[in-house]
Amino acid sequence: MSLRIADAIFWIAVACCALAQAAILQSVFVSPARAADREPASATRRVAEICWAILPGVALVGVFVFTWRAIQAAHVVAPLAAGLTQ
């Protein structure tokens, strides 16, 4: 696979995941305001819900950082490997 294609796929995945995470966070912050007919959630439950919404996003950032480093290492290794096969 071309490294340019790998970069493009990586950034498309980052954009899709960022949009999905933004939608999740929006639903977490907006949903209690819309649920007026139900009893209000306790503060502890609300904080736990927000943490469980943010935690996967933080983990995903870590995955993307390590993936980006691996892609960049491939950018360095690929020309070296091409030189060895000639």
Protein backbone atom coordinates (compact mmCIF):
# COMPACT_ATOMS: atom_id res chain seq x y z
CA MET A 1 0.00 0.00 0.00
CA SER A 2 1.26 3.44 -0.87
CA LEU A 3 2.22 5.55 2.11
CA ARG A 4 0.13 8.44 0.78
CA ILE A 5 -2.90 6.17 0.75
CA ALA A 6 -2.08 5.05 4.29
CA ASP A 7 -1.88 8.70 5.38
CA ALA A 8 -5.22 9.47 3.72
CA ILE A 9 -6.91 6.47 5.33
CA PHE A 10 -5.46 7.44 8.71
CA TRP A 11 -6.76 11.02 8.53
CA ILE A 12 -10.18 9.89 7.29
CA ALA A 13 -10.37 7.51 10.26
CA VAL A 14 -9.34 10.31 12.63
CA ALA A 15 -12.04 12.60 11.22
CA CYS A 16 -14.74 9.91 11.46
CA CYS A 17 -13.79 9.03 15.03
CA ALA A 18 -13.66 12.70 16.03
CA LEU A 19 -17.15 13.27 14.63
CA ALA A 20 -18.47 10.16 16.39
CA GLN A 21 -16.87 11.18 19.69
CA ALA A 22 -18.30 14.70 19.36
CA ALA A 23 -21.77 13.21 18.82
CA ILE A 24 -21.36 10.97 21.87
CA LEU A 25 -20.26 13.89 24.03
CA GLN A 26 -23.11 16.05 22.74
CA SER A 27 -25.63 13.35 23.62
CA VAL A 28 -24.15 13.00 27.11
CA PHE A 29 -24.26 16.72 27.81
CA VAL A 30 -27.65 17.40 26.18
CA SER A 31 -29.67 14.28 27.05
CA PRO A 32 -30.40 15.09 30.74
CA ALA A 33 -31.85 18.46 29.74
CA ARG A 34 -34.28 16.76 27.34
CA ALA A 35 -35.40 14.14 29.86
CA ALA A 36 -37.66 16.49 31.81
CA ASP A 37 -40.34 13.86 32.40
CA ARG A 38 -37.95 11.57 34.28
CA GLU A 39 -36.39 12.20 37.64
CA PRO A 40 -33.09 14.11 37.45
CA ALA A 41 -29.89 12.09 37.61
CA SER A 42 -27.75 12.39 40.72
CA ALA A 43 -24.55 14.40 40.49
CA THR A 44 -22.43 11.28 41.05
CA ARG A 45 -24.18 9.40 38.27
CA ARG A 46 -23.85 12.40 35.96
CA VAL A 47 -20.08 12.69 36.58
CA ALA A 48 -19.65 8.95 36.03
CA GLU A 49 -21.58 9.17 32.75
CA ILE A 50 -19.41 12.06 31.54
CA CYS A 51 -16.21 10.22 32.52
CA TRP A 52 -17.32 7.07 30.68
CA ALA A 53 -17.99 9.21 27.61
CA ILE A 54 -14.62 10.99 27.74
CA LEU A 55 -12.44 7.98 28.64
CA PRO A 56 -12.82 6.16 25.28
CA GLY A 57 -11.97 9.39 23.45
CA VAL A 58 -8.76 9.75 25.44
CA ALA A 59 -7.86 6.11 24.75
CA LEU A 60 -8.59 6.64 21.07
CA VAL A 61 -6.24 9.62 20.97
CA GLY A 62 -3.52 7.36 22.39
CA VAL A 63 -4.20 4.74 19.72
CA PHE A 64 -4.02 7.38 17.00
CA VAL A 65 -0.73 8.76 18.36
CA PHE A 66 0.90 5.32 18.32
CA THR A 67 -0.56 4.60 14.87
CA TRP A 68 0.76 7.90 13.51
CA ARG A 69 4.21 7.09 14.88
CA ALA A 70 4.11 3.69 13.18
CA ILE A 71 3.09 5.27 9.88
CA GLN A 72 5.89 7.82 10.14
CA ALA A 73 8.39 5.06 10.92
CA ALA A 74 7.21 3.30 7.75
CA HIS A 75 7.95 6.51 5.82
CA VAL A 76 11.55 6.29 7.03
CA VAL A 77 11.97 2.53 6.63
CA ALA A 78 10.38 2.21 3.17
CA PRO A 79 13.05 4.22 1.29
CA LEU A 80 15.80 2.37 3.17
CA ALA A 81 14.28 -1.00 2.30
CA ALA A 82 13.91 0.04 -1.34
CA GLY A 83 17.60 0.94 -1.42
CA LEU A 84 18.59 -2.45 -0.04
CA THR A 85 16.64 -4.40 -2.67
CA GLN A 86 18.26 -2.67 -5.64
